[in-house]
Amino acid sequence: MRILLPLALLAGPALADLPVVEAVELRPGGDGWTFDVTVSHADTGWEHYADGWEVLGPDGMRLGYRELLHPHVTEQPFTRSLRGVEVPEGVGTVTVRAHDNVHGWGEAVEVTLP
């Protein structure tokens, strides 16, 4: 399942430096869910870059976290995966949001599980 998000919703000066979750693809597996998350951010190097993204349950509890270990200055947008995310039985939606090392969390995106 692939979910594309219109960037126009996030346009504006206050959000210009925050990371943006552009797409989420997810699939179930024997060891939990795999999330493929596409993030864009105006990485400038080690001093300012997207450094992670997370999956949250409806109650706000963190279900998974993907640390991003280096800047992606020349690779925008970029997609990284996280396997083995345990989503509790009966949960139909989760939230995905990305983080940068200067401004914090970007806009949260709600994702419906198939």
PDB file of N, CA and C in Angstrom:
ATOM      1  N   MET A   1       0.855  -1.157   0.000  1.00  0.00           N
ATOM      2  CA  MET A   1       0.000   0.000   0.000  1.00  0.00           C
ATOM      3  C   MET A   1       0.905   1.226   0.000  1.00  0.00           C
ATOM      4  N   ARG A   2       0.683   2.137  -0.863  1.00  0.00           N
ATOM      5  CA  ARG A   2       1.489   3.357  -0.952  1.00  0.00           C
ATOM      6  C   ARG A   2       0.583   4.555  -0.752  1.00  0.00           C
ATOM      7  N   ILE A   3       1.011   5.451   0.097  1.00  0.00           N
ATOM      8  CA  ILE A   3       0.241   6.647   0.383  1.00  0.00           C
ATOM      9  C   ILE A   3       1.096   7.839   0.006  1.00  0.00           C
ATOM     10  N   LEU A   4       0.604   8.658  -0.920  1.00  0.00           N
ATOM     11  CA  LEU A   4       1.334   9.844  -1.343  1.00  0.00           C
ATOM     12  C   LEU A   4       0.683  11.064  -0.718  1.00  0.00           C
ATOM     13  N   LEU A   5       1.491  11.957  -0.245  1.00  0.00           N
ATOM     14  CA  LEU A   5       0.984  13.139   0.432  1.00  0.00           C
ATOM     15  C   LEU A   5       1.296  14.369  -0.385  1.00  0.00           C
ATOM     16  N   PRO A   6       0.315  15.239  -0.594  1.00  0.00           N
ATOM     17  CA  PRO A   6       0.585  16.456  -1.367  1.00  0.00           C
ATOM     18  C   PRO A   6       1.444  17.422  -0.561  1.00  0.00           C
ATOM     19  N   LEU A   7       2.547  17.840  -1.156  1.00  0.00           N
ATOM     20  CA  LEU A   7       3.458  18.765  -0.490  1.00  0.00           C
ATOM     21  C   LEU A   7       2.830  20.132  -0.290  1.00  0.00           C
ATOM     22  N   ALA A   8       1.861  20.484  -1.077  1.00  0.00           N
ATOM     23  CA  ALA A   8       1.229  21.797  -0.941  1.00  0.00           C
ATOM     24  C   ALA A   8       0.624  21.991   0.439  1.00  0.00           C
ATOM     25  N   LEU A   9       0.206  20.917   1.081  1.00  0.00           N
ATOM     26  CA  LEU A   9      -0.369  21.027   2.416  1.00  0.00           C
ATOM     27  C   LEU A   9       0.656  21.484   3.437  1.00  0.00           C
ATOM     28  N   LEU A  10       1.925  21.233   3.152  1.00  0.00           N
ATOM     29  CA  LEU A  10       2.972  21.568   4.099  1.00  0.00           C
ATOM     30  C   LEU A  10       3.748  22.814   3.708  1.00  0.00           C
ATOM     31  N   ALA A  11       3.349  23.483   2.653  1.00  0.00           N
ATOM     32  CA  ALA A  11       4.070  24.665   2.208  1.00  0.00           C
ATOM     33  C   ALA A  11       3.851  25.807   3.183  1.00  0.00           C
ATOM     34  N   GLY A  12       4.872  26.596   3.362  1.00  0.00           N
ATOM     35  CA  GLY A  12       4.748  27.749   4.238  1.00  0.00           C
ATOM     36  C   GLY A  12       6.060  28.003   4.940  1.00  0.00           C
ATOM     37  N   PRO A  13       6.334  29.238   5.271  1.00  0.00           N
ATOM     38  CA  PRO A  13       7.614  29.588   5.848  1.00  0.00           C
ATOM     39  C   PRO A  13       7.889  28.914   7.178  1.00  0.00           C
ATOM     40  N   ALA A  14       6.872  28.717   8.018  1.00  0.00           N
ATOM     41  CA  ALA A  14       7.105  28.129   9.334  1.00  0.00           C
ATOM     42  C   ALA A  14       7.538  26.681   9.240  1.00  0.00           C
ATOM     43  N   LEU A  15       7.159  25.995   8.164  1.00  0.00           N
ATOM     44  CA  LEU A  15       7.476  24.578   8.022  1.00  0.00           C
ATOM     45  C   LEU A  15       8.611  24.324   7.042  1.00  0.00           C
ATOM     46  N   ALA A  16       9.229  25.350   6.533  1.00  0.00           N
ATOM     47  CA  ALA A  16      10.196  25.203   5.454  1.00  0.00           C
ATOM     48  C   ALA A  16      11.389  24.340   5.821  1.00  0.00           C
ATOM     49  N   ASP A  17      11.828  24.364   7.079  1.00  0.00           N
ATOM     50  CA  ASP A  17      13.015  23.614   7.467  1.00  0.00           C
ATOM     51  C   ASP A  17      12.712  22.278   8.114  1.00  0.00           C
ATOM     52  N   LEU A  18      11.450  21.940   8.278  1.00  0.00           N
ATOM     53  CA  LEU A  18      11.081  20.676   8.900  1.00  0.00           C
ATOM     54  C   LEU A  18      11.108  19.539   7.887  1.00  0.00           C
ATOM     55  N   PRO A  19      11.401  18.324   8.336  1.00  0.00           N
ATOM     56  CA  PRO A  19      11.344  17.181   7.427  1.00  0.00           C
ATOM     57  C   PRO A  19       9.898  16.851   7.062  1.00  0.00           C
ATOM     58  N   VAL A  20       9.701  16.338   5.869  1.00  0.00           N
ATOM     59  CA  VAL A  20       8.372  16.015   5.360  1.00  0.00           C
ATOM     60  C   VAL A  20       8.311  14.532   5.022  1.00  0.00           C
ATOM     61  N   VAL A  21       7.300  13.840   5.547  1.00  0.00           N
ATOM     62  CA  VAL A  21       7.022  12.461   5.149  1.00  0.00           C
ATOM     63  C   VAL A  21       6.224  12.541   3.857  1.00  0.00           C
ATOM     64  N   GLU A  22       6.837  12.113   2.759  1.00  0.00           N
ATOM     65  CA  GLU A  22       6.187  12.211   1.455  1.00  0.00           C
ATOM     66  C   GLU A  22       5.376  10.984   1.090  1.00  0.00           C
ATOM     67  N   ALA A  23       5.799   9.816   1.530  1.00  0.00           N
ATOM     68  CA  ALA A  23       5.090   8.580   1.199  1.00  0.00           C
ATOM     69  C   ALA A  23       5.399   7.523   2.246  1.00  0.00           C
ATOM     70  N   VAL A  24       4.426   6.638   2.454  1.00  0.00           N
ATOM     71  CA  VAL A  24       4.602   5.505   3.355  1.00  0.00           C
ATOM     72  C   VAL A  24       4.073   4.274   2.650  1.00  0.00           C
ATOM     73  N   GLU A  25       4.887   3.255   2.584  1.00  0.00           N
ATOM     74  CA  GLU A  25       4.464   1.958   2.056  1.00  0.00           C
ATOM     75  C   GLU A  25       4.631   0.968   3.193  1.00  0.00           C
ATOM     76  N   LEU A  26       3.609   0.146   3.443  1.00  0.00           N
ATOM     77  CA  LEU A  26       3.715  -0.802   4.535  1.00  0.00           C
ATOM     78  C   LEU A  26       3.151  -2.148   4.129  1.00  0.00           C
ATOM     79  N   ARG A  27       3.683  -3.170   4.796  1.00  0.00           N
ATOM     80  CA  ARG A  27       3.227  -4.532   4.518  1.00  0.00           C
ATOM     81  C   ARG A  27       3.428  -5.387   5.758  1.00  0.00           C
ATOM     82  N   PRO A  28       2.478  -6.303   5.997  1.00  0.00           N
ATOM     83  CA  PRO A  28       2.609  -7.181   7.152  1.00  0.00           C
ATOM     84  C   PRO A  28       3.584  -8.314   6.855  1.00  0.00           C
ATOM     85  N   GLY A  29       4.138  -8.854   7.909  1.00  0.00           N
ATOM     86  CA  GLY A  29       5.032 -10.003   7.783  1.00  0.00           C
ATOM     87  C   GLY A  29       4.979 -10.827   9.055  1.00  0.00           C
ATOM     88  N   GLY A  30       5.663 -11.934   9.052  1.00  0.00           N
ATOM     89  CA  GLY A  30       5.661 -12.816  10.202  1.00  0.00           C
ATOM     90  C   GLY A  30       6.256 -12.207  11.450  1.00  0.00           C
ATOM     91  N   ASP A  31       7.147 -11.232  11.271  1.00  0.00           N
ATOM     92  CA  ASP A  31       7.809 -10.600  12.415  1.00  0.00           C
ATOM     93  C   ASP A  31       7.286  -9.193  12.677  1.00  0.00           C
ATOM     94  N   GLY A  32       6.105  -8.861  12.180  1.00  0.00           N
ATOM     95  CA  GLY A  32       5.532  -7.526  12.344  1.00  0.00           C
ATOM     96  C   GLY A  32       5.450  -6.816  11.003  1.00  0.00           C
ATOM     97  N   TRP A  33       5.173  -5.540  11.041  1.00  0.00           N
ATOM     98  CA  TRP A  33       5.012  -4.734   9.832  1.00  0.00           C
ATOM     99  C   TRP A  33       6.345  -4.180   9.371  1.00  0.00           C
ATOM    100  N   THR A  34       6.480  -4.028   8.052  1.00  0.00           N
ATOM    101  CA  THR A  34       7.611  -3.307   7.471  1.00  0.00           C
ATOM    102  C   THR A  34       7.095  -1.986   6.935  1.00  0.00           C
ATOM    103  N   PHE A  35       7.764  -0.906   7.330  1.00  0.00           N
ATOM    104  CA  PHE A  35       7.437   0.439   6.882  1.00  0.00           C
ATOM    105  C   PHE A  35       8.554   0.946   5.989  1.00  0.00           C
ATOM    106  N   ASP A  36       8.208   1.373   4.771  1.00  0.00           N
ATOM    107  CA  ASP A  36       9.134   2.054   3.864  1.00  0.00           C
ATOM    108  C   ASP A  36       8.658   3.507   3.824  1.00  0.00           C
ATOM    109  N   VAL A  37       9.458   4.407   4.380  1.00  0.00           N
ATOM    110  CA  VAL A  37       9.052   5.800   4.530  1.00  0.00           C
ATOM    111  C   VAL A  37       9.958   6.688   3.688  1.00  0.00           C
ATOM    112  N   THR A  38       9.342   7.508   2.854  1.00  0.00           N
ATOM    113  CA  THR A  38      10.073   8.462   2.025  1.00  0.00           C
ATOM    114  C   THR A  38      10.004   9.828   2.692  1.00  0.00           C
ATOM    115  N   VAL A  39      11.187  10.407   2.925  1.00  0.00           N
ATOM    116  CA  VAL A  39      11.319  11.679   3.623  1.00  0.00           C
ATOM    117  C   VAL A  39      12.033  12.670   2.717  1.00  0.00           C
ATOM    118  N   SER A  40      11.613  13.922   2.755  1.00  0.00           N
ATOM    119  CA  SER A  40      12.389  14.982   2.116  1.00  0.00           C
ATOM    120  C   SER A  40      12.724  16.024   3.174  1.00  0.00           C
ATOM    121  N   HIS A  41      13.890  16.615   3.012  1.00  0.00           N
ATOM    122  CA  HIS A  41      14.356  17.638   3.953  1.00  0.00           C
ATOM    123  C   HIS A  41      15.516  18.367   3.304  1.00  0.00           C
ATOM    124  N   ALA A  42      15.637  19.630   3.577  1.00  0.00           N
ATOM    125  CA  ALA A  42      16.724  20.427   3.004  1.00  0.00           C
ATOM    126  C   ALA A  42      18.009  20.222   3.822  1.00  0.00           C
ATOM    127  N   ASP A  43      18.496  18.972   3.836  1.00  0.00           N
ATOM    128  CA  ASP A  43      19.733  18.668   4.559  1.00  0.00           C
ATOM    129  C   ASP A  43      20.862  19.549   4.037  1.00  0.00           C
ATOM    130  N   THR A  44      21.639  20.104   4.958  1.00  0.00           N
ATOM    131  CA  THR A  44      22.790  20.926   4.561  1.00  0.00           C
ATOM    132  C   THR A  44      24.107  20.297   4.977  1.00  0.00           C
ATOM    133  N   GLY A  45      24.050  19.199   5.689  1.00  0.00           N
ATOM    134  CA  GLY A  45      25.238  18.525   6.215  1.00  0.00           C
ATOM    135  C   GLY A  45      24.988  18.159   7.663  1.00  0.00           C
ATOM    136  N   TRP A  46      26.055  17.841   8.380  1.00  0.00           N
ATOM    137  CA  TRP A  46      25.933  17.379   9.757  1.00  0.00           C
ATOM    138  C   TRP A  46      25.281  18.405  10.676  1.00  0.00           C
ATOM    139  N   GLU A  47      25.363  19.686  10.338  1.00  0.00           N
ATOM    140  CA  GLU A  47      24.792  20.712  11.205  1.00  0.00           C
ATOM    141  C   GLU A  47      23.269  20.795  11.108  1.00  0.00           C
ATOM    142  N   HIS A  48      22.662  20.252  10.040  1.00  0.00           N
ATOM    143  CA  HIS A  48      21.209  20.292   9.881  1.00  0.00           C
ATOM    144  C   HIS A  48      20.773  19.199   8.911  1.00  0.00           C
ATOM    145  N   TYR A  49      20.179  18.131   9.463  1.00  0.00           N
ATOM    146  CA  TYR A  49      19.717  17.034   8.613  1.00  0.00           C
ATOM    147  C   TYR A  49      18.582  16.267   9.289  1.00  0.00           C
ATOM    148  N   ALA A  50      17.810  15.550   8.486  1.00  0.00           N
ATOM    149  CA  ALA A  50      16.767  14.668   9.006  1.00  0.00           C
ATOM    150  C   ALA A  50      17.464  13.488   9.667  1.00  0.00           C
ATOM    151  N   ASP A  51      17.205  13.295  10.963  1.00  0.00           N
ATOM    152  CA  ASP A  51      17.956  12.279  11.704  1.00  0.00           C
ATOM    153  C   ASP A  51      17.109  11.106  12.181  1.00  0.00           C
ATOM    154  N   GLY A  52      15.819  11.046  11.771  1.00  0.00           N
ATOM    155  CA  GLY A  52      15.021   9.882  12.143  1.00  0.00           C
ATOM    156  C   GLY A  52      13.561  10.054  11.790  1.00  0.00           C
ATOM    157  N   TRP A  53      12.830   8.953  11.903  1.00  0.00           N
ATOM    158  CA  TRP A  53      11.378   8.984  11.784  1.00  0.00           C
ATOM    159  C   TRP A  53      10.793   7.921  12.707  1.00  0.00           C
ATOM    160  N   GLU A  54       9.522   8.106  13.068  1.00  0.00           N
ATOM    161  CA  GLU A  54       8.903   7.175  14.011  1.00  0.00           C
ATOM    162  C   GLU A  54       7.488   6.820  13.589  1.00  0.00           C
ATOM    163  N   VAL A  55       7.034   5.685  14.130  1.00  0.00           N
ATOM    164  CA  VAL A  55       5.664   5.207  13.952  1.00  0.00           C
ATOM    165  C   VAL A  55       5.017   5.229  15.331  1.00  0.00           C
ATOM    166  N   LEU A  56       3.860   5.883  15.420  1.00  0.00           N
ATOM    167  CA  LEU A  56       3.139   6.005  16.686  1.00  0.00           C
ATOM    168  C   LEU A  56       1.784   5.329  16.583  1.00  0.00           C
ATOM    169  N   GLY A  57       1.347   4.694  17.674  1.00  0.00           N
ATOM    170  CA  GLY A  57       0.006   4.136  17.750  1.00  0.00           C
ATOM    171  C   GLY A  57      -1.000   5.244  18.000  1.00  0.00           C
ATOM    172  N   PRO A  58      -2.305   4.916  17.947  1.00  0.00           N
ATOM    173  CA  PRO A  58      -3.352   5.922  18.158  1.00  0.00           C
ATOM    174  C   PRO A  58      -3.259   6.598  19.526  1.00  0.00           C
ATOM    175  N   ASP A  59      -2.673   5.914  20.502  1.00  0.00           N
ATOM    176  CA  ASP A  59      -2.541   6.470  21.845  1.00  0.00           C
ATOM    177  C   ASP A  59      -1.262   7.286  22.018  1.00  0.00           C
ATOM    178  N   GLY A  60      -0.492   7.433  20.921  1.00  0.00           N
ATOM    179  CA  GLY A  60       0.754   8.189  20.978  1.00  0.00           C
ATOM    180  C   GLY A  60       1.965   7.374  21.391  1.00  0.00           C
ATOM    181  N   MET A  61       1.781   6.090  21.698  1.00  0.00           N
ATOM    182  CA  MET A  61       2.905   5.248  22.079  1.00  0.00           C
ATOM    183  C   MET A  61       3.772   4.932  20.857  1.00  0.00           C
ATOM    184  N   ARG A  62       5.084   5.049  21.025  1.00  0.00           N
ATOM    185  CA  ARG A  62       6.007   4.752  19.922  1.00  0.00           C
ATOM    186  C   ARG A  62       6.018   3.253  19.660  1.00  0.00           C
ATOM    187  N   LEU A  63       5.731   2.896  18.398  1.00  0.00           N
ATOM    188  CA  LEU A  63       5.754   1.502  17.973  1.00  0.00           C
ATOM    189  C   LEU A  63       7.054   1.151  17.274  1.00  0.00           C
ATOM    190  N   GLY A  64       7.717   2.156  16.711  1.00  0.00           N
ATOM    191  CA  GLY A  64       8.982   1.921  16.024  1.00  0.00           C
ATOM    192  C   GLY A  64       9.694   3.226  15.754  1.00  0.00           C
ATOM    193  N   TYR A  65      11.020   3.142  15.655  1.00  0.00           N
ATOM    194  CA  TYR A  65      11.836   4.318  15.371  1.00  0.00           C
ATOM    195  C   TYR A  65      12.957   3.920  14.423  1.00  0.00           C
ATOM    196  N   ARG A  66      13.159   4.713  13.381  1.00  0.00           N
ATOM    197  CA  ARG A  66      14.246   4.495  12.419  1.00  0.00           C
ATOM    198  C   ARG A  66      15.208   5.657  12.530  1.00  0.00           C
ATOM    199  N   GLU A  67      16.373   5.394  13.071  1.00  0.00           N
ATOM    200  CA  GLU A  67      17.400   6.425  13.157  1.00  0.00           C
ATOM    201  C   GLU A  67      18.071   6.579  11.794  1.00  0.00           C
ATOM    202  N   LEU A  68      18.302   7.812  11.412  1.00  0.00           N
ATOM    203  CA  LEU A  68      19.011   8.118  10.168  1.00  0.00           C
ATOM    204  C   LEU A  68      20.398   8.603  10.576  1.00  0.00           C
ATOM    205  N   LEU A  69      21.412   7.883  10.166  1.00  0.00           N
ATOM    206  CA  LEU A  69      22.749   8.048  10.728  1.00  0.00           C
ATOM    207  C   LEU A  69      23.626   9.085  10.050  1.00  0.00           C
ATOM    208  N   HIS A  70      23.136   9.682   8.947  1.00  0.00           N
ATOM    209  CA  HIS A  70      23.958  10.668   8.244  1.00  0.00           C
ATOM    210  C   HIS A  70      23.069  11.568   7.392  1.00  0.00           C
ATOM    211  N   PRO A  71      23.583  12.736   7.001  1.00  0.00           N
ATOM    212  CA  PRO A  71      22.826  13.637   6.125  1.00  0.00           C
ATOM    213  C   PRO A  71      22.621  13.023   4.736  1.00  0.00           C
ATOM    214  N   HIS A  72      21.553  13.444   4.089  1.00  0.00           N
ATOM    215  CA  HIS A  72      21.236  13.017   2.723  1.00  0.00           C
ATOM    216  C   HIS A  72      21.165  14.254   1.827  1.00  0.00           C
ATOM    217  N   VAL A  73      22.263  14.982   1.767  1.00  0.00           N
ATOM    218  CA  VAL A  73      22.309  16.261   1.053  1.00  0.00           C
ATOM    219  C   VAL A  73      21.999  16.094  -0.429  1.00  0.00           C
ATOM    220  N   THR A  74      22.564  15.078  -1.063  1.00  0.00           N
ATOM    221  CA  THR A  74      22.396  14.893  -2.510  1.00  0.00           C
ATOM    222  C   THR A  74      21.395  13.798  -2.855  1.00  0.00           C
ATOM    223  N   GLU A  75      20.726  13.246  -1.872  1.00  0.00           N
ATOM    224  CA  GLU A  75      19.745  12.177  -2.101  1.00  0.00           C
ATOM    225  C   GLU A  75      18.405  12.628  -1.530  1.00  0.00           C
ATOM    226  N   GLN A  76      17.636  13.337  -2.328  1.00  0.00           N
ATOM    227  CA  GLN A  76      16.351  13.883  -1.875  1.00  0.00           C
ATOM    228  C   GLN A  76      15.280  13.644  -2.921  1.00  0.00           C
ATOM    229  N   PRO A  77      14.112  13.207  -2.547  1.00  0.00           N
ATOM    230  CA  PRO A  77      13.824  12.594  -1.259  1.00  0.00           C
ATOM    231  C   PRO A  77      14.486  11.225  -1.172  1.00  0.00           C
ATOM    232  N   PHE A  78      14.474  10.639   0.018  1.00  0.00           N
ATOM    233  CA  PHE A  78      15.092   9.327   0.211  1.00  0.00           C
ATOM    234  C   PHE A  78      14.134   8.428   0.980  1.00  0.00           C
ATOM    235  N   THR A  79      14.268   7.126   0.778  1.00  0.00           N
ATOM    236  CA  THR A  79      13.401   6.144   1.424  1.00  0.00           C
ATOM    237  C   THR A  79      14.242   5.206   2.276  1.00  0.00           C
ATOM    238  N   ARG A  80      13.790   4.991   3.501  1.00  0.00           N
ATOM    239  CA  ARG A  80      14.437   4.044   4.406  1.00  0.00           C
ATOM    240  C   ARG A  80      13.360   3.164   5.020  1.00  0.00           C
ATOM    241  N   SER A  81      13.736   1.931   5.356  1.00  0.00           N
ATOM    242  CA  SER A  81      12.792   0.936   5.854  1.00  0.00           C
ATOM    243  C   SER A  81      13.022   0.622   7.326  1.00  0.00           C
ATOM    244  N   LEU A  82      11.958   0.142   7.947  1.00  0.00           N
ATOM    245  CA  LEU A  82      12.016  -0.369   9.304  1.00  0.00           C
ATOM    246  C   LEU A  82      11.163  -1.626   9.344  1.00  0.00           C
ATOM    247  N   ARG A  83      11.776  -2.736   9.740  1.00  0.00           N
ATOM    248  CA  ARG A  83      11.069  -4.022   9.803  1.00  0.00           C
ATOM    249  C   ARG A  83      10.712  -4.363  11.241  1.00  0.00           C
ATOM    250  N   GLY A  84       9.739  -5.255  11.375  1.00  0.00           N
ATOM    251  CA  GLY A  84       9.407  -5.792  12.688  1.00  0.00           C
ATOM    252  C   GLY A  84       8.646  -4.849  13.596  1.00  0.00           C
ATOM    253  N   VAL A  85       7.891  -3.921  13.030  1.00  0.00           N
ATOM    254  CA  VAL A  85       7.098  -3.003  13.850  1.00  0.00           C
ATOM    255  C   VAL A  85       5.857  -3.743  14.343  1.00  0.00           C
ATOM    256  N   GLU A  86       5.729  -3.866  15.641  1.00  0.00           N
ATOM    257  CA  GLU A  86       4.596  -4.558  16.250  1.00  0.00           C
ATOM    258  C   GLU A  86       3.430  -3.586  16.408  1.00  0.00           C
ATOM    259  N   VAL A  87       2.374  -3.813  15.636  1.00  0.00           N
ATOM    260  CA  VAL A  87       1.168  -2.991  15.733  1.00  0.00           C
ATOM    261  C   VAL A  87       0.130  -3.814  16.493  1.00  0.00           C
ATOM    262  N   PRO A  88      -0.366  -3.299  17.615  1.00  0.00           N
ATOM    263  CA  PRO A  88      -1.323  -4.066  18.413  1.00  0.00           C
ATOM    264  C   PRO A  88      -2.564  -4.473  17.622  1.00  0.00           C
ATOM    265  N   GLU A  89      -3.104  -5.618  17.969  1.00  0.00           N
ATOM    266  CA  GLU A  89      -4.326  -6.138  17.351  1.00  0.00           C
ATOM    267  C   GLU A  89      -5.440  -5.104  17.458  1.00  0.00           C
ATOM    268  N   GLY A  90      -6.181  -4.901  16.371  1.00  0.00           N
ATOM    269  CA  GLY A  90      -7.309  -3.989  16.370  1.00  0.00           C
ATOM    270  C   GLY A  90      -6.972  -2.549  16.011  1.00  0.00           C
ATOM    271  N   VAL A  91      -5.679  -2.223  15.909  1.00  0.00           N
ATOM    272  CA  VAL A  91      -5.288  -0.870  15.534  1.00  0.00           C
ATOM    273  C   VAL A  91      -5.418  -0.724  14.017  1.00  0.00           C
ATOM    274  N   GLY A  92      -6.157   0.279  13.565  1.00  0.00           N
ATOM    275  CA  GLY A  92      -6.387   0.475  12.134  1.00  0.00           C
ATOM    276  C   GLY A  92      -5.593   1.602  11.517  1.00  0.00           C
ATOM    277  N   THR A  93      -5.086   2.511  12.357  1.00  0.00           N
ATOM    278  CA  THR A  93      -4.288   3.619  11.845  1.00  0.00           C
ATOM    279  C   THR A  93      -3.090   3.856  12.759  1.00  0.00           C
ATOM    280  N   VAL A  94      -2.019   4.326  12.150  1.00  0.00           N
ATOM    281  CA  VAL A  94      -0.823   4.733  12.884  1.00  0.00           C
ATOM    282  C   VAL A  94      -0.417   6.109  12.362  1.00  0.00           C
ATOM    283  N   THR A  95       0.484   6.737  13.068  1.00  0.00           N
ATOM    284  CA  THR A  95       0.998   8.039  12.675  1.00  0.00           C
ATOM    285  C   THR A  95       2.486   7.913  12.402  1.00  0.00           C
ATOM    286  N   VAL A  96       2.943   8.546  11.327  1.00  0.00           N
ATOM    287  CA  VAL A  96       4.367   8.566  10.985  1.00  0.00           C
ATOM    288  C   VAL A  96       4.803  10.023  10.939  1.00  0.00           C
ATOM    289  N   ARG A  97       5.949  10.311  11.549  1.00  0.00           N
ATOM    290  CA  ARG A  97       6.495  11.666  11.484  1.00  0.00           C
ATOM    291  C   ARG A  97       8.013  11.582  11.481  1.00  0.00           C
ATOM    292  N   ALA A  98       8.632  12.576  10.834  1.00  0.00           N
ATOM    293  CA  ALA A  98      10.093  12.618  10.708  1.00  0.00           C
ATOM    294  C   ALA A  98      10.642  13.726  11.604  1.00  0.00           C
ATOM    295  N   HIS A  99      11.924  13.605  11.926  1.00  0.00           N
ATOM    296  CA  HIS A  99      12.591  14.504  12.862  1.00  0.00           C
ATOM    297  C   HIS A  99      13.860  15.050  12.228  1.00  0.00           C
ATOM    298  N   ASP A 100      14.209  16.299  12.541  1.00  0.00           N
ATOM    299  CA  ASP A 100      15.537  16.781  12.159  1.00  0.00           C
ATOM    300  C   ASP A 100      16.273  17.255  13.409  1.00  0.00           C
ATOM    301  N   ASN A 101      17.589  17.327  13.302  1.00  0.00           N
ATOM    302  CA  ASN A 101      18.421  17.586  14.475  1.00  0.00           C
ATOM    303  C   ASN A 101      18.452  19.053  14.905  1.00  0.00           C
ATOM    304  N   VAL A 102      17.748  19.939  14.204  1.00  0.00           N
ATOM    305  CA  VAL A 102      17.697  21.353  14.592  1.00  0.00           C
ATOM    306  C   VAL A 102      16.291  21.750  15.034  1.00  0.00           C
ATOM    307  N   HIS A 103      15.283  21.445  14.235  1.00  0.00           N
ATOM    308  CA  HIS A 103      13.925  21.936  14.484  1.00  0.00           C
ATOM    309  C   HIS A 103      12.994  20.924  15.126  1.00  0.00           C
ATOM    310  N   GLY A 104      13.380  19.684  15.200  1.00  0.00           N
ATOM    311  CA  GLY A 104      12.527  18.678  15.830  1.00  0.00           C
ATOM    312  C   GLY A 104      11.603  17.980  14.854  1.00  0.00           C
ATOM    313  N   TRP A 105      10.392  17.681  15.321  1.00  0.00           N
ATOM    314  CA  TRP A 105       9.441  16.865  14.570  1.00  0.00           C
ATOM    315  C   TRP A 105       8.697  17.666  13.511  1.00  0.00           C
ATOM    316  N   GLY A 106       8.554  17.045  12.334  1.00  0.00           N
ATOM    317  CA  GLY A 106       7.751  17.610  11.264  1.00  0.00           C
ATOM    318  C   GLY A 106       6.290  17.208  11.459  1.00  0.00           C
ATOM    319  N   GLU A 107       5.485  17.589  10.506  1.00  0.00           N
ATOM    320  CA  GLU A 107       4.052  17.305  10.543  1.00  0.00           C
ATOM    321  C   GLU A 107       3.789  15.806  10.571  1.00  0.00           C
ATOM    322  N   ALA A 108       2.878  15.379  11.445  1.00  0.00           N
ATOM    323  CA  ALA A 108       2.510  13.975  11.562  1.00  0.00           C
ATOM    324  C   ALA A 108       1.551  13.597  10.438  1.00  0.00           C
ATOM    325  N   VAL A 109       1.708  12.373   9.935  1.00  0.00           N
ATOM    326  CA  VAL A 109       0.886  11.856   8.851  1.00  0.00           C
ATOM    327  C   VAL A 109       0.182  10.596   9.337  1.00  0.00           C
ATOM    328  N   GLU A 110      -1.137  10.567   9.211  1.00  0.00           N
ATOM    329  CA  GLU A 110      -1.891   9.386   9.613  1.00  0.00           C
ATOM    330  C   GLU A 110      -1.940   8.385   8.466  1.00  0.00           C
ATOM    331  N   VAL A 111      -1.669   7.124   8.779  1.00  0.00           N
ATOM    332  CA  VAL A 111      -1.627   6.066   7.775  1.00  0.00           C
ATOM    333  C   VAL A 111      -2.618   4.977   8.184  1.00  0.00           C
ATOM    334  N   THR A 112      -3.470   4.564   7.245  1.00  0.00           N
ATOM    335  CA  THR A 112      -4.417   3.476   7.489  1.00  0.00           C
ATOM    336  C   THR A 112      -3.780   2.156   7.099  1.00  0.00           C
ATOM    337  N   LEU A 113      -3.838   1.194   8.012  1.00  0.00           N
ATOM    338  CA  LEU A 113      -3.303  -0.135   7.709  1.00  0.00           C
ATOM    339  C   LEU A 113      -4.267  -0.848   6.772  1.00  0.00           C
ATOM    340  N   PRO A 114      -3.711  -1.612   5.835  1.00  0.00           N
ATOM    341  CA  PRO A 114      -4.590  -2.322   4.889  1.00  0.00           C
ATOM    342  C   PRO A 114      -5.341  -3.464   5.571  1.00  0.00           C
TER     343      PRO A 114
END
